[in-house]
Amino acid sequence: MDECLFCRIVAGEVPANIVFEDETVVAFSDIAPQAPLHVLVVPRRHIRNAAAVTPDDADVVAALVTSARAVADEAGLSGEDRGYRLVFNVGPDALNSVDHLHLHVLGGRTFDWPPG
């Protein structure tokens, strides 16, 4: 996946502000943040998007979510009086611009519902 931006970030070929990494995922700051905390958590292994996830990817999805929680914990957003949002975008209608599975971790402000 030489052309995949997130694969290149994972490989260290493209600079990014890495905030968390382990053997399964890499988390880095979004370059166009939509909240005070806006981090993308991506698997090291290329998976196209959430629609392409299979039961064989369960360990990767679990790692994305638990790593997102670690990012939120580190930012002080996990207390009972705080919170954060986790978002998967799939396809052009959701404004997904990089075809590599990624989980947005957003926090540090109150979010409106419905989002918009």
N, C-alpha and C. Protein backbone atom coordinates (compact mmCIF):
# COMPACT_ATOMS: atom_id res chain seq x y z
N MET A 1 0.83 -1.19 0.00
CA MET A 1 0.00 0.00 0.00
C MET A 1 0.88 1.26 0.00
N ASP A 2 1.83 1.31 -0.92
CA ASP A 2 2.77 2.43 -0.98
C ASP A 2 2.09 3.78 -1.15
N GLU A 3 0.92 3.79 -1.79
CA GLU A 3 0.23 5.05 -2.04
C GLU A 3 -0.64 5.50 -0.88
N CYS A 4 -0.85 4.67 0.12
CA CYS A 4 -1.73 4.99 1.25
C CYS A 4 -1.00 5.92 2.23
N LEU A 5 -1.57 7.10 2.44
CA LEU A 5 -0.97 8.08 3.34
C LEU A 5 -0.78 7.50 4.74
N PHE A 6 -1.80 6.83 5.28
CA PHE A 6 -1.68 6.32 6.64
C PHE A 6 -0.68 5.18 6.74
N CYS A 7 -0.57 4.35 5.71
CA CYS A 7 0.47 3.32 5.71
C CYS A 7 1.85 3.97 5.73
N ARG A 8 2.00 5.09 5.03
CA ARG A 8 3.27 5.80 5.01
C ARG A 8 3.57 6.45 6.36
N ILE A 9 2.55 6.93 7.05
CA ILE A 9 2.75 7.47 8.41
C ILE A 9 3.17 6.34 9.34
N VAL A 10 2.48 5.21 9.28
CA VAL A 10 2.82 4.05 10.11
C VAL A 10 4.26 3.62 9.86
N ALA A 11 4.70 3.66 8.60
CA ALA A 11 6.06 3.24 8.25
C ALA A 11 7.11 4.29 8.61
N GLY A 12 6.68 5.48 9.04
CA GLY A 12 7.62 6.54 9.38
C GLY A 12 8.11 7.32 8.17
N GLU A 13 7.48 7.13 7.02
CA GLU A 13 7.89 7.83 5.80
C GLU A 13 7.31 9.24 5.72
N VAL A 14 6.19 9.47 6.40
CA VAL A 14 5.54 10.78 6.44
C VAL A 14 5.48 11.19 7.89
N PRO A 15 5.94 12.41 8.20
CA PRO A 15 5.93 12.84 9.60
C PRO A 15 4.52 13.04 10.13
N ALA A 16 4.35 12.75 11.40
CA ALA A 16 3.07 12.95 12.09
C ALA A 16 3.37 13.12 13.57
N ASN A 17 2.46 13.76 14.27
CA ASN A 17 2.58 13.91 15.72
C ASN A 17 2.01 12.65 16.37
N ILE A 18 2.85 11.65 16.57
CA ILE A 18 2.44 10.37 17.15
C ILE A 18 2.19 10.57 18.64
N VAL A 19 0.98 10.19 19.10
CA VAL A 19 0.65 10.34 20.52
C VAL A 19 0.55 8.99 21.23
N PHE A 20 0.46 7.91 20.46
CA PHE A 20 0.37 6.57 21.05
C PHE A 20 0.71 5.57 19.96
N GLU A 21 1.39 4.51 20.35
CA GLU A 21 1.60 3.40 19.41
C GLU A 21 1.92 2.14 20.17
N ASP A 22 1.53 1.04 19.57
CA ASP A 22 1.89 -0.28 20.07
C ASP A 22 2.05 -1.20 18.87
N GLU A 23 2.08 -2.48 19.10
CA GLU A 23 2.34 -3.42 18.01
C GLU A 23 1.21 -3.50 16.99
N THR A 24 0.01 -3.01 17.33
CA THR A 24 -1.15 -3.13 16.46
C THR A 24 -1.59 -1.82 15.84
N VAL A 25 -1.45 -0.71 16.58
CA VAL A 25 -1.98 0.58 16.13
C VAL A 25 -0.97 1.70 16.29
N VAL A 26 -1.25 2.79 15.55
CA VAL A 26 -0.53 4.05 15.70
C VAL A 26 -1.60 5.14 15.81
N ALA A 27 -1.43 6.06 16.76
CA ALA A 27 -2.37 7.16 16.93
C ALA A 27 -1.61 8.47 16.76
N PHE A 28 -2.20 9.37 15.98
CA PHE A 28 -1.54 10.64 15.70
C PHE A 28 -2.56 11.76 15.59
N SER A 29 -2.10 12.99 15.82
CA SER A 29 -2.98 14.15 15.77
C SER A 29 -3.49 14.38 14.36
N ASP A 30 -4.78 14.73 14.25
CA ASP A 30 -5.37 15.07 12.96
C ASP A 30 -4.81 16.41 12.51
N ILE A 31 -4.54 16.55 11.21
CA ILE A 31 -3.97 17.81 10.71
C ILE A 31 -5.02 18.92 10.56
N ALA A 32 -6.30 18.56 10.63
CA ALA A 32 -7.38 19.55 10.57
C ALA A 32 -8.34 19.28 11.72
N PRO A 33 -7.91 19.56 12.96
CA PRO A 33 -8.70 19.15 14.13
C PRO A 33 -10.08 19.80 14.18
N GLN A 34 -11.06 18.99 14.59
CA GLN A 34 -12.44 19.44 14.76
C GLN A 34 -12.80 19.62 16.23
N ALA A 35 -11.84 19.43 17.10
CA ALA A 35 -12.03 19.58 18.55
C ALA A 35 -10.64 19.80 19.15
N PRO A 36 -10.57 20.29 20.40
CA PRO A 36 -9.25 20.47 21.03
C PRO A 36 -8.41 19.19 21.00
N LEU A 37 -9.05 18.04 21.21
CA LEU A 37 -8.37 16.76 21.01
C LEU A 37 -8.98 16.12 19.78
N HIS A 38 -8.16 15.87 18.78
CA HIS A 38 -8.62 15.15 17.58
C HIS A 38 -7.46 14.29 17.11
N VAL A 39 -7.57 13.02 17.44
CA VAL A 39 -6.53 12.04 17.15
C VAL A 39 -7.13 10.95 16.26
N LEU A 40 -6.33 10.48 15.32
CA LEU A 40 -6.71 9.34 14.49
C LEU A 40 -5.95 8.12 14.99
N VAL A 41 -6.67 7.03 15.20
CA VAL A 41 -6.06 5.77 15.59
C VAL A 41 -6.19 4.83 14.39
N VAL A 42 -5.07 4.36 13.88
CA VAL A 42 -5.07 3.52 12.67
C VAL A 42 -4.38 2.20 12.96
N PRO A 43 -4.85 1.12 12.33
CA PRO A 43 -4.12 -0.14 12.47
C PRO A 43 -2.85 -0.10 11.64
N ARG A 44 -1.83 -0.78 12.11
CA ARG A 44 -0.60 -0.89 11.33
C ARG A 44 -0.86 -1.67 10.05
N ARG A 45 -1.75 -2.64 10.12
CA ARG A 45 -2.11 -3.44 8.95
C ARG A 45 -3.17 -2.68 8.16
N HIS A 46 -3.00 -2.61 6.85
CA HIS A 46 -3.96 -1.88 6.01
C HIS A 46 -5.28 -2.63 5.92
N ILE A 47 -6.33 -1.96 6.34
CA ILE A 47 -7.72 -2.39 6.14
C ILE A 47 -8.39 -1.19 5.50
N ARG A 48 -9.10 -1.37 4.42
CA ARG A 48 -9.62 -0.25 3.63
C ARG A 48 -10.48 0.71 4.44
N ASN A 49 -11.48 0.20 5.15
CA ASN A 49 -12.35 1.04 5.98
C ASN A 49 -13.21 0.14 6.86
N ALA A 50 -14.10 0.73 7.65
CA ALA A 50 -14.91 -0.06 8.57
C ALA A 50 -15.84 -1.02 7.85
N ALA A 51 -16.25 -0.69 6.62
CA ALA A 51 -17.10 -1.58 5.85
C ALA A 51 -16.35 -2.83 5.39
N ALA A 52 -15.05 -2.77 5.37
CA ALA A 52 -14.23 -3.91 4.94
C ALA A 52 -13.81 -4.80 6.11
N VAL A 53 -14.16 -4.43 7.32
CA VAL A 53 -13.81 -5.22 8.50
C VAL A 53 -14.54 -6.55 8.48
N THR A 54 -13.83 -7.62 8.80
CA THR A 54 -14.41 -8.96 8.87
C THR A 54 -14.25 -9.49 10.29
N PRO A 55 -14.89 -10.61 10.61
CA PRO A 55 -14.68 -11.20 11.94
C PRO A 55 -13.21 -11.48 12.23
N ASP A 56 -12.41 -11.72 11.20
CA ASP A 56 -10.97 -11.95 11.42
C ASP A 56 -10.24 -10.71 11.91
N ASP A 57 -10.89 -9.54 11.80
CA ASP A 57 -10.28 -8.28 12.23
C ASP A 57 -10.71 -7.86 13.63
N ALA A 58 -11.37 -8.73 14.35
CA ALA A 58 -11.90 -8.36 15.67
C ALA A 58 -10.80 -7.86 16.60
N ASP A 59 -9.64 -8.48 16.57
CA ASP A 59 -8.54 -8.04 17.44
C ASP A 59 -8.07 -6.63 17.08
N VAL A 60 -8.09 -6.30 15.81
CA VAL A 60 -7.67 -4.97 15.38
C VAL A 60 -8.69 -3.93 15.83
N VAL A 61 -9.97 -4.22 15.67
CA VAL A 61 -11.01 -3.27 16.08
C VAL A 61 -10.96 -3.06 17.59
N ALA A 62 -10.77 -4.13 18.34
CA ALA A 62 -10.65 -3.99 19.79
C ALA A 62 -9.44 -3.14 20.14
N ALA A 63 -8.34 -3.31 19.44
CA ALA A 63 -7.14 -2.51 19.70
C ALA A 63 -7.38 -1.04 19.37
N LEU A 64 -8.13 -0.76 18.32
CA LEU A 64 -8.46 0.63 17.99
C LEU A 64 -9.22 1.29 19.14
N VAL A 65 -10.24 0.59 19.65
CA VAL A 65 -11.09 1.16 20.69
C VAL A 65 -10.32 1.31 22.01
N THR A 66 -9.57 0.31 22.40
CA THR A 66 -8.84 0.41 23.66
C THR A 66 -7.71 1.44 23.57
N SER A 67 -7.11 1.58 22.41
CA SER A 67 -6.08 2.61 22.22
C SER A 67 -6.71 3.99 22.25
N ALA A 68 -7.90 4.13 21.68
CA ALA A 68 -8.62 5.41 21.74
C ALA A 68 -8.90 5.78 23.19
N ARG A 69 -9.29 4.79 23.98
CA ARG A 69 -9.52 5.05 25.41
C ARG A 69 -8.23 5.50 26.09
N ALA A 70 -7.11 4.90 25.75
CA ALA A 70 -5.82 5.30 26.33
C ALA A 70 -5.49 6.74 25.96
N VAL A 71 -5.77 7.13 24.72
CA VAL A 71 -5.55 8.51 24.29
C VAL A 71 -6.43 9.46 25.10
N ALA A 72 -7.70 9.11 25.25
CA ALA A 72 -8.63 9.94 26.02
C ALA A 72 -8.22 10.01 27.49
N ASP A 73 -7.79 8.88 28.04
CA ASP A 73 -7.32 8.87 29.44
C ASP A 73 -6.15 9.83 29.60
N GLU A 74 -5.18 9.75 28.70
CA GLU A 74 -3.99 10.60 28.76
C GLU A 74 -4.35 12.08 28.67
N ALA A 75 -5.42 12.38 27.93
CA ALA A 75 -5.87 13.77 27.78
C ALA A 75 -6.78 14.22 28.92
N GLY A 76 -7.06 13.32 29.88
CA GLY A 76 -7.89 13.67 31.01
C GLY A 76 -9.38 13.73 30.70
N LEU A 77 -9.82 12.98 29.68
CA LEU A 77 -11.22 13.06 29.24
C LEU A 77 -12.08 11.89 29.68
N SER A 78 -11.56 11.01 30.50
CA SER A 78 -12.29 9.80 30.85
C SER A 78 -13.04 9.88 32.18
N GLY A 79 -12.97 10.99 32.87
CA GLY A 79 -13.67 11.11 34.14
C GLY A 79 -15.17 11.15 33.96
N GLU A 80 -15.91 10.96 35.05
CA GLU A 80 -17.37 10.96 34.99
C GLU A 80 -17.94 12.27 34.49
N ASP A 81 -17.23 13.37 34.71
CA ASP A 81 -17.73 14.67 34.28
C ASP A 81 -17.16 15.10 32.92
N ARG A 82 -16.48 14.21 32.24
CA ARG A 82 -15.89 14.50 30.93
C ARG A 82 -16.43 13.50 29.92
N GLY A 83 -15.84 13.44 28.78
CA GLY A 83 -16.25 12.48 27.76
C GLY A 83 -15.50 12.74 26.47
N TYR A 84 -15.73 11.86 25.52
CA TYR A 84 -15.10 11.98 24.21
C TYR A 84 -15.96 11.23 23.20
N ARG A 85 -15.71 11.50 21.94
CA ARG A 85 -16.48 10.90 20.85
C ARG A 85 -15.54 10.03 20.03
N LEU A 86 -16.04 8.86 19.62
CA LEU A 86 -15.32 7.96 18.71
C LEU A 86 -16.12 7.87 17.42
N VAL A 87 -15.44 8.04 16.27
CA VAL A 87 -16.14 8.08 14.99
C VAL A 87 -15.35 7.30 13.94
N PHE A 88 -16.07 6.42 13.22
CA PHE A 88 -15.58 5.80 12.00
C PHE A 88 -16.35 6.44 10.84
N ASN A 89 -15.66 6.91 9.82
CA ASN A 89 -16.31 7.42 8.62
C ASN A 89 -16.07 6.41 7.50
N VAL A 90 -17.12 6.16 6.70
CA VAL A 90 -17.01 5.22 5.60
C VAL A 90 -17.56 5.87 4.34
N GLY A 91 -16.72 6.01 3.33
CA GLY A 91 -17.16 6.48 2.03
C GLY A 91 -17.23 7.99 1.87
N PRO A 92 -17.45 8.42 0.64
CA PRO A 92 -17.43 9.85 0.33
C PRO A 92 -18.55 10.65 0.99
N ASP A 93 -19.72 10.07 1.19
CA ASP A 93 -20.80 10.81 1.85
C ASP A 93 -20.44 11.16 3.29
N ALA A 94 -19.58 10.38 3.90
CA ALA A 94 -19.13 10.64 5.27
C ALA A 94 -17.84 11.46 5.29
N LEU A 95 -17.42 11.91 4.12
CA LEU A 95 -16.20 12.70 3.95
C LEU A 95 -14.93 11.93 4.33
N ASN A 96 -14.97 10.62 4.11
CA ASN A 96 -13.78 9.80 4.34
C ASN A 96 -12.80 10.06 3.21
N SER A 97 -11.64 10.60 3.52
CA SER A 97 -10.70 10.98 2.46
C SER A 97 -9.48 10.07 2.35
N VAL A 98 -9.24 9.21 3.32
CA VAL A 98 -8.12 8.27 3.26
C VAL A 98 -8.68 6.86 3.42
N ASP A 99 -8.45 6.03 2.41
CA ASP A 99 -8.95 4.65 2.46
C ASP A 99 -8.03 3.76 3.27
N HIS A 100 -8.02 3.99 4.57
CA HIS A 100 -7.31 3.16 5.54
C HIS A 100 -8.14 3.29 6.81
N LEU A 101 -8.60 2.17 7.33
CA LEU A 101 -9.42 2.19 8.54
C LEU A 101 -8.81 3.12 9.58
N HIS A 102 -9.63 4.03 10.12
CA HIS A 102 -9.16 4.91 11.18
C HIS A 102 -10.32 5.32 12.07
N LEU A 103 -10.01 5.45 13.33
CA LEU A 103 -10.97 5.84 14.35
C LEU A 103 -10.61 7.23 14.84
N HIS A 104 -11.56 8.16 14.70
CA HIS A 104 -11.36 9.52 15.21
C HIS A 104 -11.66 9.53 16.71
N VAL A 105 -10.79 10.13 17.48
CA VAL A 105 -11.00 10.37 18.90
C VAL A 105 -11.11 11.88 19.05
N LEU A 106 -12.29 12.35 19.45
CA LEU A 106 -12.54 13.79 19.58
C LEU A 106 -12.96 14.10 20.99
N GLY A 107 -12.43 15.19 21.54
CA GLY A 107 -12.81 15.58 22.88
C GLY A 107 -12.27 16.94 23.24
N GLY A 108 -12.55 17.32 24.48
CA GLY A 108 -12.09 18.61 24.95
C GLY A 108 -13.11 19.72 24.79
N ARG A 109 -14.29 19.36 24.30
CA ARG A 109 -15.39 20.32 24.20
C ARG A 109 -16.70 19.54 24.25
N THR A 110 -17.79 20.26 24.47
CA THR A 110 -19.12 19.64 24.44
C THR A 110 -19.58 19.56 23.00
N PHE A 111 -20.13 18.42 22.63
CA PHE A 111 -20.62 18.21 21.26
C PHE A 111 -22.12 18.38 21.21
N ASP A 112 -22.61 18.89 20.10
CA ASP A 112 -24.05 19.05 19.87
C ASP A 112 -24.61 17.75 19.32
N TRP A 113 -25.92 17.55 19.53
CA TRP A 113 -26.61 16.44 18.88
C TRP A 113 -27.89 16.96 18.28
N PRO A 114 -28.23 16.70 17.08
CA PRO A 114 -27.42 15.87 16.16
C PRO A 114 -26.18 16.61 15.70
N PRO A 115 -25.15 15.84 15.33
CA PRO A 115 -23.92 16.47 14.86
C PRO A 115 -24.21 17.26 13.59
N GLY A 116 -23.45 18.29 13.39
CA GLY A 116 -23.68 19.04 12.16
C GLY A 116 -22.81 20.22 12.02
